[in-house]
N, C-alpha and C. Protein backbone atom coordinates (compact mmCIF):
# COMPACT_ATOMS: atom_id res chain seq x y z
N VAL A 1 21.85 -26.86 26.48
CA VAL A 1 22.42 -26.60 25.30
C VAL A 1 23.65 -27.66 25.26
N GLN A 2 24.02 -28.15 25.83
CA GLN A 2 25.29 -29.15 26.60
C GLN A 2 24.73 -30.58 26.28
N ARG A 3 23.28 -30.56 26.90
CA ARG A 3 22.94 -32.01 27.05
C ARG A 3 22.34 -32.07 25.71
N MET A 4 21.47 -30.99 25.45
CA MET A 4 20.85 -31.50 23.70
C MET A 4 22.42 -31.99 22.86
N ALA A 5 23.33 -31.24 22.80
CA ALA A 5 24.09 -32.02 21.89
C ALA A 5 24.72 -33.26 22.19
N ASP A 6 24.71 -33.71 24.25
CA ASP A 6 24.96 -34.91 24.24
C ASP A 6 23.99 -35.72 23.67
N GLU A 7 23.10 -35.07 23.89
CA GLU A 7 21.87 -36.84 23.48
C GLU A 7 21.35 -36.91 22.18
N GLY A 8 22.10 -35.77 21.10
CA GLY A 8 22.52 -36.00 19.88
C GLY A 8 21.42 -35.68 18.79
N HIS A 9 20.55 -34.40 19.43
CA HIS A 9 20.37 -33.45 19.10
C HIS A 9 20.58 -32.56 18.33
N LEU A 10 20.77 -32.19 17.08
CA LEU A 10 20.12 -31.07 16.53
C LEU A 10 20.48 -29.56 16.74
N VAL A 11 21.87 -28.79 17.13
CA VAL A 11 21.90 -27.85 17.49
C VAL A 11 22.23 -26.53 16.61
N CYS A 12 20.68 -25.98 16.12
CA CYS A 12 21.30 -25.22 14.78
C CYS A 12 21.05 -23.72 14.56
N ASN A 13 21.64 -22.98 13.90
CA ASN A 13 21.55 -21.51 14.51
C ASN A 13 20.23 -21.07 14.10
N HIS A 14 20.12 -19.46 15.24
CA HIS A 14 18.99 -18.65 15.17
C HIS A 14 19.17 -17.85 15.05
N THR A 15 20.22 -17.07 15.80
CA THR A 15 21.54 -15.84 15.45
C THR A 15 21.91 -15.28 17.25
N ASN A 16 22.40 -14.62 16.53
CA ASN A 16 22.68 -14.03 18.53
C ASN A 16 22.16 -13.43 18.63
N ASN A 17 20.95 -11.86 18.13
CA ASN A 17 20.23 -11.64 18.51
C ASN A 17 18.90 -11.24 18.18
N HIS A 18 18.79 -12.19 17.29
CA HIS A 18 17.53 -12.09 16.89
C HIS A 18 16.89 -10.87 15.90
N PRO A 19 17.84 -10.29 14.92
CA PRO A 19 17.49 -9.81 14.78
C PRO A 19 17.07 -10.38 13.17
N ASP A 20 16.21 -8.91 12.37
CA ASP A 20 15.02 -9.01 11.00
C ASP A 20 16.64 -9.47 9.94
N LEU A 21 16.34 -11.08 9.74
CA LEU A 21 17.54 -11.26 7.86
C LEU A 21 17.41 -10.46 7.67
N GLY A 22 16.62 -9.95 6.69
CA GLY A 22 15.77 -9.35 5.44
C GLY A 22 16.39 -7.46 5.51
N SER A 23 16.66 -6.89 6.58
CA SER A 23 16.46 -5.81 6.45
C SER A 23 17.95 -5.33 6.81
N ILE A 24 19.28 -6.13 7.77
CA ILE A 24 20.23 -6.06 8.13
C ILE A 24 21.22 -6.15 6.83
N SER A 25 22.04 -6.10 7.27
CA SER A 25 23.96 -5.75 5.80
C SER A 25 24.77 -6.73 6.45
N LYS A 26 25.43 -7.74 5.30
CA LYS A 26 25.84 -8.59 4.88
C LYS A 26 26.54 -8.75 6.40
N GLU A 27 27.87 -8.30 7.01
CA GLU A 27 28.17 -7.54 7.71
C GLU A 27 28.35 -8.67 9.49
N GLU A 28 26.64 -7.46 9.11
CA GLU A 28 25.85 -8.46 10.60
C GLU A 28 24.88 -9.24 10.54
N LEU A 29 24.80 -9.55 9.26
CA LEU A 29 23.95 -11.23 9.31
C LEU A 29 25.57 -12.45 9.74
N VAL A 30 26.56 -11.67 8.73
CA VAL A 30 27.86 -12.50 9.34
C VAL A 30 28.05 -12.62 10.67
N PHE A 31 28.09 -11.34 11.56
CA PHE A 31 28.33 -11.65 12.36
C PHE A 31 27.25 -12.31 13.81
N GLU A 32 25.94 -11.59 13.60
CA GLU A 32 24.92 -12.41 13.39
C GLU A 32 25.33 -14.18 14.17
N ILE A 33 25.20 -14.55 12.60
CA ILE A 33 26.10 -16.14 12.86
C ILE A 33 26.45 -16.68 13.11
N THR A 34 27.90 -16.44 12.69
CA THR A 34 29.40 -16.86 13.36
C THR A 34 29.46 -16.21 14.65
N SER A 35 29.01 -15.20 15.88
CA SER A 35 29.01 -15.10 16.80
C SER A 35 28.53 -16.22 17.91
N LEU A 36 27.51 -17.10 16.98
CA LEU A 36 26.61 -17.87 18.37
C LEU A 36 27.16 -19.34 17.78
N ALA A 37 28.17 -19.42 16.55
CA ALA A 37 28.33 -20.58 16.34
C ALA A 37 30.02 -20.41 17.04
N SER A 38 30.18 -19.60 16.95
CA SER A 38 31.68 -19.47 17.87
C SER A 38 31.66 -20.04 19.24
N ASP A 39 30.23 -18.89 20.38
CA ASP A 39 29.98 -19.51 21.65
C ASP A 39 29.26 -20.79 21.57
N TYR A 40 28.89 -21.46 20.22
CA TYR A 40 28.87 -22.81 20.68
C TYR A 40 29.77 -23.65 20.57
N LYS A 41 31.01 -23.51 20.02
CA LYS A 41 31.51 -24.40 19.92
C LYS A 41 32.74 -24.22 20.80
N GLU A 42 32.47 -23.16 21.68
CA GLU A 42 33.62 -23.19 23.11
C GLU A 42 33.42 -23.59 23.55
N LEU A 43 31.76 -23.85 23.79
CA LEU A 43 31.03 -24.44 24.80
C LEU A 43 31.11 -25.71 25.19
N VAL A 44 30.59 -26.60 23.43
CA VAL A 44 30.36 -27.93 23.02
C VAL A 44 31.71 -28.40 23.08
N GLY A 45 32.23 -27.76 22.23
CA GLY A 45 33.74 -27.99 21.46
C GLY A 45 32.87 -28.76 20.18
N LYS A 46 32.56 -28.36 19.69
CA LYS A 46 32.01 -29.03 18.32
C LYS A 46 31.11 -27.76 17.59
N ASN A 47 31.75 -28.35 16.18
CA ASN A 47 30.95 -27.43 15.12
C ASN A 47 29.78 -27.26 15.49
N MET A 48 29.10 -26.29 15.36
CA MET A 48 26.76 -26.33 15.32
C MET A 48 26.87 -26.79 13.78
N ASP A 49 25.52 -27.69 13.91
CA ASP A 49 24.56 -28.09 13.33
C ASP A 49 24.43 -26.58 12.30
N PRO A 50 24.36 -27.07 10.51
CA PRO A 50 24.40 -25.63 9.72
C PRO A 50 23.46 -25.74 9.35
N TYR A 51 22.24 -25.49 9.96
CA TYR A 51 21.14 -24.99 9.17
C TYR A 51 20.89 -24.31 10.22
N LEU A 52 19.78 -22.94 9.68
CA LEU A 52 19.65 -21.57 9.92
C LEU A 52 18.16 -21.64 10.22
N ARG A 53 17.24 -20.89 11.51
CA ARG A 53 16.29 -20.94 11.24
C ARG A 53 16.25 -19.10 11.70
N PRO A 54 15.49 -18.29 10.04
CA PRO A 54 15.30 -16.99 10.48
C PRO A 54 14.59 -16.37 11.25
N PRO A 55 14.74 -15.45 12.79
CA PRO A 55 14.23 -15.56 13.17
C PRO A 55 12.62 -14.91 13.22
N SER A 56 11.59 -14.80 13.53
CA SER A 56 10.39 -14.62 13.19
C SER A 56 9.96 -14.44 11.44
N GLY A 57 10.95 -16.02 10.98
CA GLY A 57 11.04 -15.73 9.66
C GLY A 57 11.41 -14.84 8.93
N LYS A 58 11.87 -13.78 9.01
CA LYS A 58 12.27 -12.61 8.04
C LYS A 58 13.37 -13.28 7.55
N TYR A 59 13.25 -12.94 5.95
CA TYR A 59 14.62 -13.10 5.52
C TYR A 59 14.46 -12.48 3.87
N SER A 60 15.09 -12.01 3.37
CA SER A 60 16.03 -11.95 1.89
C SER A 60 16.28 -12.31 1.09
N VAL A 61 16.18 -12.43 -0.14
CA VAL A 61 17.05 -12.99 -1.11
C VAL A 61 18.42 -12.95 -1.34
N GLN A 62 18.61 -12.29 -0.67
CA GLN A 62 19.98 -12.18 -0.44
C GLN A 62 20.93 -12.09 0.97
N SER A 63 20.12 -12.70 2.06
CA SER A 63 20.47 -12.74 3.31
C SER A 63 20.14 -14.62 3.31
N LEU A 64 19.13 -14.97 2.53
CA LEU A 64 19.45 -16.26 2.13
C LEU A 64 20.89 -16.56 1.17
N LYS A 65 21.60 -15.58 0.26
CA LYS A 65 22.44 -16.28 -0.78
C LYS A 65 23.51 -16.31 0.71
N TRP A 66 23.70 -15.06 1.48
CA TRP A 66 25.32 -15.11 2.75
C TRP A 66 24.89 -16.42 3.22
N THR A 67 23.45 -16.82 4.42
CA THR A 67 23.48 -17.32 4.87
C THR A 67 23.75 -19.26 3.83
N GLN A 68 23.97 -18.78 3.09
CA GLN A 68 24.48 -20.41 1.91
C GLN A 68 25.97 -20.49 1.56
N GLU A 69 26.11 -19.25 1.89
CA GLU A 69 27.95 -19.04 1.59
C GLU A 69 28.83 -19.69 2.84
N LEU A 70 27.99 -18.93 4.17
CA LEU A 70 28.69 -19.55 5.62
C LEU A 70 28.93 -20.75 5.62
N GLY A 71 27.59 -21.52 4.48
CA GLY A 71 27.43 -23.09 4.89
C GLY A 71 26.42 -23.39 5.13
N TYR A 72 25.78 -22.66 5.60
CA TYR A 72 24.29 -23.31 6.14
C TYR A 72 22.97 -23.33 5.31
N THR A 73 22.24 -24.29 5.60
CA THR A 73 20.69 -24.08 4.73
C THR A 73 19.57 -23.37 6.10
N THR A 74 19.12 -23.05 5.19
CA THR A 74 18.27 -22.44 5.94
C THR A 74 17.03 -22.35 5.91
N VAL A 75 16.33 -22.90 7.18
CA VAL A 75 14.60 -24.05 7.51
C VAL A 75 13.36 -23.12 7.65
N PHE A 76 12.43 -23.60 7.12
CA PHE A 76 11.19 -23.00 7.64
C PHE A 76 10.79 -23.63 8.63
N TRP A 77 9.52 -23.52 9.15
CA TRP A 77 8.14 -24.28 9.76
C TRP A 77 7.27 -24.01 9.03
N SER A 78 6.51 -25.35 9.35
CA SER A 78 5.42 -25.41 8.17
C SER A 78 4.22 -25.31 9.08
N MET A 79 4.12 -25.05 10.71
CA MET A 79 3.69 -24.58 11.62
C MET A 79 4.18 -24.13 12.39
N ALA A 80 3.39 -23.22 12.73
CA ALA A 80 3.08 -22.16 14.00
C ALA A 80 2.53 -21.90 14.49
N PHE A 81 2.13 -21.09 16.00
CA PHE A 81 1.24 -20.34 16.23
C PHE A 81 2.08 -19.48 17.87
N LYS A 82 1.20 -18.48 17.78
CA LYS A 82 2.35 -17.46 18.68
C LYS A 82 2.14 -18.08 19.92
N ASP A 83 3.61 -18.53 21.22
CA ASP A 83 3.17 -19.42 21.99
C ASP A 83 4.80 -19.00 22.73
N TRP A 84 5.55 -18.24 22.01
CA TRP A 84 6.70 -17.35 22.48
C TRP A 84 6.68 -16.61 23.53
N ASP A 85 5.32 -16.01 24.07
CA ASP A 85 4.66 -15.40 25.48
C ASP A 85 5.01 -16.34 26.94
N PRO A 86 5.84 -16.02 27.62
CA PRO A 86 5.22 -16.88 28.48
C PRO A 86 3.81 -16.72 29.36
N ASN A 87 4.13 -14.90 29.21
CA ASN A 87 2.73 -14.77 29.88
C ASN A 87 1.11 -14.84 29.24
N ASN A 88 1.55 -15.44 28.11
CA ASN A 88 0.46 -15.18 26.89
C ASN A 88 -0.10 -16.90 26.36
N GLN A 89 -0.06 -17.66 27.05
CA GLN A 89 0.06 -19.15 27.21
C GLN A 89 -1.66 -19.08 26.79
N PRO A 90 -2.03 -20.32 25.73
CA PRO A 90 -3.48 -20.27 25.24
C PRO A 90 -3.51 -21.81 26.07
N GLY A 91 -2.59 -22.63 26.45
CA GLY A 91 -3.67 -23.91 26.83
C GLY A 91 -2.40 -24.95 26.42
N ALA A 92 -2.84 -26.27 26.74
CA ALA A 92 -2.16 -27.03 26.46
C ALA A 92 -2.62 -28.03 25.61
N GLU A 93 -4.47 -27.40 25.67
CA GLU A 93 -5.70 -28.43 24.90
C GLU A 93 -4.79 -27.42 23.27
N TYR A 94 -4.88 -26.36 23.19
CA TYR A 94 -4.93 -25.46 22.31
C TYR A 94 -4.15 -26.21 21.33
N SER A 95 -2.54 -25.54 22.46
CA SER A 95 -1.37 -26.07 21.58
C SER A 95 -1.51 -27.79 20.83
N PHE A 96 -1.92 -28.77 21.81
CA PHE A 96 -2.41 -30.02 21.30
C PHE A 96 -2.98 -30.31 19.92
N ASN A 97 -4.49 -29.59 19.32
CA ASN A 97 -5.44 -29.37 18.73
C ASN A 97 -5.02 -28.81 17.62
N HIS A 98 -3.95 -27.51 17.82
CA HIS A 98 -3.43 -27.29 16.36
C HIS A 98 -2.32 -27.97 16.47
N VAL A 99 -1.70 -28.51 16.60
CA VAL A 99 -0.38 -29.69 15.75
C VAL A 99 -1.73 -30.83 15.13
N MET A 100 -2.64 -31.42 15.88
CA MET A 100 -3.21 -32.40 15.32
C MET A 100 -3.81 -31.72 13.85
N GLU A 101 -4.54 -30.49 13.86
CA GLU A 101 -5.65 -30.27 13.41
C GLU A 101 -4.48 -29.50 11.90
N ASN A 102 -3.27 -28.89 12.32
CA ASN A 102 -2.62 -28.91 10.82
C ASN A 102 -1.20 -30.31 10.62
N ILE A 103 -1.57 -31.57 10.77
CA ILE A 103 -0.31 -31.87 10.94
C ILE A 103 -0.21 -32.62 9.44
N HIS A 104 0.73 -32.77 8.72
CA HIS A 104 0.91 -33.54 7.07
C HIS A 104 2.19 -33.42 6.98
N PRO A 105 2.45 -35.00 5.64
CA PRO A 105 3.85 -35.74 5.98
C PRO A 105 4.52 -34.54 5.51
N GLY A 106 5.72 -34.54 6.44
CA GLY A 106 6.81 -33.74 6.03
C GLY A 106 6.64 -32.91 6.60
N ALA A 107 6.04 -32.45 7.71
CA ALA A 107 5.89 -30.89 8.53
C ALA A 107 7.08 -30.18 9.56
N VAL A 108 7.45 -29.32 9.68
CA VAL A 108 8.00 -28.64 10.38
C VAL A 108 7.14 -28.02 11.75
N ILE A 109 7.00 -28.91 13.33
CA ILE A 109 6.15 -28.07 13.71
C ILE A 109 7.64 -27.18 14.79
N LEU A 110 7.13 -25.89 15.06
CA LEU A 110 7.76 -24.59 15.76
C LEU A 110 7.22 -24.38 16.77
N LEU A 111 7.64 -25.32 17.92
CA LEU A 111 7.00 -25.37 19.31
C LEU A 111 7.84 -24.56 20.35
N HIS A 112 7.82 -23.51 20.88
CA HIS A 112 9.16 -22.66 21.52
C HIS A 112 9.24 -23.54 22.91
N ALA A 113 10.20 -23.35 23.64
CA ALA A 113 10.50 -24.06 24.73
C ALA A 113 9.77 -23.37 25.84
N VAL A 114 9.69 -22.15 25.88
CA VAL A 114 9.60 -21.47 26.75
C VAL A 114 7.82 -21.49 27.39
N SER A 115 6.46 -22.37 26.58
CA SER A 115 5.70 -22.26 26.71
C SER A 115 5.34 -23.36 27.40
N GLU A 116 4.14 -22.75 28.41
CA GLU A 116 3.63 -24.15 29.40
C GLU A 116 2.94 -25.08 29.04
N SER A 117 2.44 -24.15 27.82
CA SER A 117 0.75 -24.64 27.04
C SER A 117 1.53 -25.82 25.98
N ASN A 118 3.14 -26.33 25.70
CA ASN A 118 3.34 -27.16 24.62
C ASN A 118 4.38 -27.87 25.49
N THR A 119 4.81 -27.40 26.67
CA THR A 119 4.74 -28.71 27.60
C THR A 119 3.49 -29.53 28.38
N GLY A 120 2.68 -28.75 28.98
CA GLY A 120 1.08 -29.20 28.68
C GLY A 120 1.70 -30.45 27.65
N ALA A 121 1.32 -30.44 26.77
CA ALA A 121 0.49 -31.34 24.98
C ALA A 121 1.44 -32.71 24.90
N LEU A 122 2.87 -31.90 25.13
CA LEU A 122 4.06 -32.34 24.44
C LEU A 122 3.78 -33.88 24.08
N ASP A 123 3.49 -34.58 25.38
CA ASP A 123 3.53 -35.92 25.12
C ASP A 123 2.35 -37.18 25.22
N ARG A 124 1.92 -36.54 24.91
CA ARG A 124 0.28 -36.69 24.60
C ARG A 124 -0.03 -35.80 22.74
N MET A 125 1.05 -35.50 22.12
CA MET A 125 1.15 -35.09 20.60
C MET A 125 1.91 -36.03 20.48
N VAL A 126 3.22 -36.17 20.71
CA VAL A 126 3.83 -37.00 20.21
C VAL A 126 3.44 -38.65 20.19
N LYS A 127 2.16 -38.79 21.61
CA LYS A 127 2.21 -40.22 21.27
C LYS A 127 1.25 -40.43 20.52
N GLU A 128 0.28 -39.03 20.28
CA GLU A 128 -0.73 -39.32 18.57
C GLU A 128 -0.04 -39.18 17.65
N LEU A 129 0.70 -38.44 17.42
CA LEU A 129 1.24 -38.18 16.05
C LEU A 129 1.86 -39.89 15.90
N LYS A 130 2.19 -40.69 16.76
CA LYS A 130 3.27 -41.65 16.27
C LYS A 130 2.33 -42.61 16.10
N ASN A 131 1.35 -42.63 17.04
CA ASN A 131 -0.41 -43.53 16.92
C ASN A 131 -0.73 -43.32 15.28
N GLN A 132 -0.81 -42.25 14.84
CA GLN A 132 -1.00 -41.84 13.44
C GLN A 132 -0.50 -42.13 12.28
N GLY A 133 1.06 -42.10 13.03
CA GLY A 133 2.47 -43.17 12.04
C GLY A 133 3.04 -41.99 11.64
N TYR A 134 3.07 -41.02 12.42
CA TYR A 134 4.30 -39.52 11.75
C TYR A 134 5.51 -40.81 13.23
N VAL A 135 6.90 -40.21 11.76
CA VAL A 135 7.94 -41.05 12.94
C VAL A 135 8.46 -39.18 12.67
N PHE A 136 9.58 -39.19 13.83
CA PHE A 136 10.23 -37.44 14.53
C PHE A 136 11.05 -37.75 13.74
N ALA A 137 12.14 -37.01 12.85
CA ALA A 137 13.71 -37.17 12.36
C ALA A 137 14.33 -36.01 12.29
N THR A 138 15.26 -35.67 12.00
CA THR A 138 16.13 -33.98 12.07
C THR A 138 16.30 -34.22 11.01
N PHE A 139 16.78 -32.75 10.19
CA PHE A 139 16.78 -32.52 9.07
C PHE A 139 18.20 -33.29 8.24
N ASP A 140 18.73 -33.54 9.17
CA ASP A 140 20.34 -34.18 8.23
C ASP A 140 19.39 -35.87 8.04
N GLN A 141 18.49 -36.10 8.33
CA GLN A 141 18.18 -37.85 7.74
C GLN A 141 17.46 -37.73 6.79
């Protein structure tokens, strides 16, 4: 986390315990978001970037409102696949093809860091997307 912050990456909120944000109380949601932000600030010495990705994409109209009240913009992905289980990996070729077949202008690609498939495909993915004219940017650009 410190390395990511030092390198200038956005480090955003994903909650402390990964709950379903569509079914928890306001108090639970506030705890989930603010406790992680507090831990981040203690570790890195600065505020967490004000974006939240709801775990599993689960949310409610209320949770979006509460998240906004906390100063966060909720962000979702436009492309993802089941890559989060380290014991069930589809392979680098699958990861590469999935991204190439679903890429579009403005895409937000969700790739989990625990995925060996993504690790094996990432360099080729980035090079091919740049070859096609895509650029990589953070939400605040």
